[in-house]
Amino acid sequence: IDLIGSYFITGSVGLDLELRTGMAATGTGYTRQRTSLGPGVTLDDPTFPLYGRVSFPIQIEDAVVAFLRAGGGLKILDMAFLRVYFELTADFPLGGGGVGFFSSQAVNAGLGVWLRL
């Protein structure tokens, strides 16, 4: 589960706060994603079908690890208060908990719903 709150300081640049936690592992030998919390920035031009994000989540469960998360998405359905999108993200550990930038990376894909209040 990934929850992101954004405050748009201009029509296309938003400041984010992201909370991500894993619910279950995906198979034998895998562990669920640990809980992380951190700031980010979203670039979203309302007239263009793609958007981009960069964030710096910090894993706060078990060992503390800082990450760089970069991603972007395709707006599938975009209405006044609701957006359905497809997103790809890549996570790179920056340090902490005995990991380095090239020690492990993760690429995620998913569908999401964006509620705009």
Protein backbone atom coordinates (compact mmCIF):
# COMPACT_ATOMS: atom_id res chain seq x y z
CA ILE A 1 0.00 0.00 0.00
CA ASP A 2 1.39 3.38 -1.01
CA LEU A 3 -0.32 6.57 0.19
CA ILE A 4 0.86 9.94 -1.09
CA GLY A 5 -0.39 13.35 -0.04
CA SER A 6 0.51 16.21 -2.38
CA TYR A 7 0.23 19.97 -2.16
CA PHE A 8 0.63 21.65 -5.54
CA ILE A 9 2.60 24.89 -5.22
CA THR A 10 2.05 25.63 -8.93
CA GLY A 11 -0.29 24.12 -11.50
CA SER A 12 2.20 21.34 -12.28
CA VAL A 13 4.65 21.02 -9.32
CA GLY A 14 3.57 19.29 -6.13
CA LEU A 15 5.32 18.64 -2.82
CA ASP A 16 4.59 15.13 -1.55
CA LEU A 17 4.64 13.12 1.65
CA GLU A 18 4.66 9.37 1.02
CA LEU A 19 3.86 6.46 3.34
CA ARG A 20 4.48 2.97 1.98
CA THR A 21 4.05 -0.35 3.75
CA GLY A 22 4.05 -3.94 2.55
CA MET A 23 1.21 -6.27 3.43
CA ALA A 24 2.62 -9.64 2.31
CA ALA A 25 5.50 -11.25 0.44
CA THR A 26 5.11 -12.27 -3.21
CA GLY A 27 6.59 -15.76 -3.01
CA THR A 28 8.94 -18.19 -1.33
CA GLY A 29 12.18 -16.57 -0.23
CA TYR A 30 10.80 -13.01 -0.40
CA THR A 31 9.91 -10.75 2.51
CA ARG A 32 7.32 -7.99 2.48
CA GLN A 33 8.41 -4.40 1.88
CA ARG A 34 9.19 -2.61 5.10
CA THR A 35 7.37 0.59 6.11
CA SER A 36 8.90 3.81 4.78
CA LEU A 37 8.04 7.50 5.05
CA GLY A 38 9.51 10.47 3.20
CA PRO A 39 9.22 13.64 1.10
CA GLY A 40 8.99 13.94 -2.67
CA VAL A 41 8.21 16.13 -5.67
CA THR A 42 5.70 15.43 -8.47
CA LEU A 43 5.77 17.05 -11.92
CA ASP A 44 2.34 16.82 -13.51
CA ASP A 45 1.35 18.97 -16.47
CA PRO A 46 -2.47 18.72 -16.68
CA THR A 47 -2.35 18.86 -20.50
CA PHE A 48 0.18 16.00 -20.90
CA PRO A 49 -0.71 12.29 -20.38
CA LEU A 50 2.49 11.45 -18.44
CA TYR A 51 3.78 12.59 -15.04
CA GLY A 52 6.99 12.10 -13.06
CA ARG A 53 7.94 11.77 -9.41
CA VAL A 54 11.07 11.69 -7.33
CA SER A 55 11.08 10.99 -3.59
CA PHE A 56 13.42 10.19 -0.73
CA PRO A 57 11.62 7.64 1.47
CA ILE A 58 13.28 6.46 4.66
CA GLN A 59 12.63 2.90 5.78
CA ILE A 60 11.54 3.25 9.42
CA GLU A 61 10.88 -0.41 10.18
CA ASP A 62 13.75 -2.75 11.18
CA ALA A 63 16.98 -1.11 9.93
CA VAL A 64 16.86 2.54 8.90
CA VAL A 65 17.64 2.87 5.17
CA ALA A 66 17.31 5.99 2.98
CA PHE A 67 16.19 5.49 -0.64
CA LEU A 68 15.98 7.44 -3.87
CA ARG A 69 12.72 6.59 -5.64
CA ALA A 70 12.19 7.78 -9.22
CA GLY A 71 9.14 7.04 -11.25
CA GLY A 72 6.51 8.12 -13.64
CA GLY A 73 3.13 7.19 -14.88
CA LEU A 74 0.54 7.24 -17.61
CA LYS A 75 -2.81 8.86 -16.85
CA ILE A 76 -5.43 6.35 -18.01
CA LEU A 77 -8.58 8.17 -16.83
CA ASP A 78 -8.40 11.79 -15.71
CA MET A 79 -11.51 13.48 -14.32
CA ALA A 80 -11.90 16.57 -12.13
CA PHE A 81 -11.45 14.76 -8.79
CA LEU A 82 -10.30 11.26 -9.77
CA ARG A 83 -7.41 9.87 -11.80
CA VAL A 84 -6.62 6.25 -12.66
CA TYR A 85 -3.00 5.71 -13.64
CA PHE A 86 -0.30 3.13 -14.42
CA GLU A 87 3.05 3.81 -12.73
CA LEU A 88 6.62 2.47 -12.85
CA THR A 89 9.05 3.26 -10.03
CA ALA A 90 12.66 2.34 -9.29
CA ASP A 91 14.16 2.34 -5.79
CA PHE A 92 17.87 2.78 -5.10
CA PRO A 93 19.21 2.60 -1.51
CA LEU A 94 21.27 5.67 -0.60
CA GLY A 95 22.69 4.32 2.66
CA GLY A 96 22.05 2.99 6.13
CA GLY A 97 21.40 -0.53 7.35
CA GLY A 98 24.57 -1.84 5.68
CA VAL A 99 23.46 -1.15 2.08
CA GLY A 100 24.84 1.06 -0.67
CA PHE A 101 23.52 2.56 -3.92
CA PHE A 102 24.32 -0.49 -6.04
CA SER A 103 23.69 -3.18 -3.40
CA SER A 104 20.03 -3.72 -4.31
CA GLN A 105 17.50 -2.06 -6.55
CA ALA A 106 13.78 -2.63 -6.93
CA VAL A 107 11.53 -1.86 -9.88
CA ASN A 108 7.78 -1.72 -9.23
CA ALA A 109 4.77 -1.44 -11.52
CA GLY A 110 1.19 -0.89 -10.53
CA LEU A 111 -2.20 0.63 -11.09
CA GLY A 112 -3.43 3.36 -8.79
CA VAL A 113 -6.18 5.81 -7.99
CA TRP A 114 -5.42 9.44 -7.33
CA LEU A 115 -8.09 11.38 -5.42
CA ARG A 116 -7.87 15.15 -5.70
CA LEU A 117 -9.61 17.15 -3.01
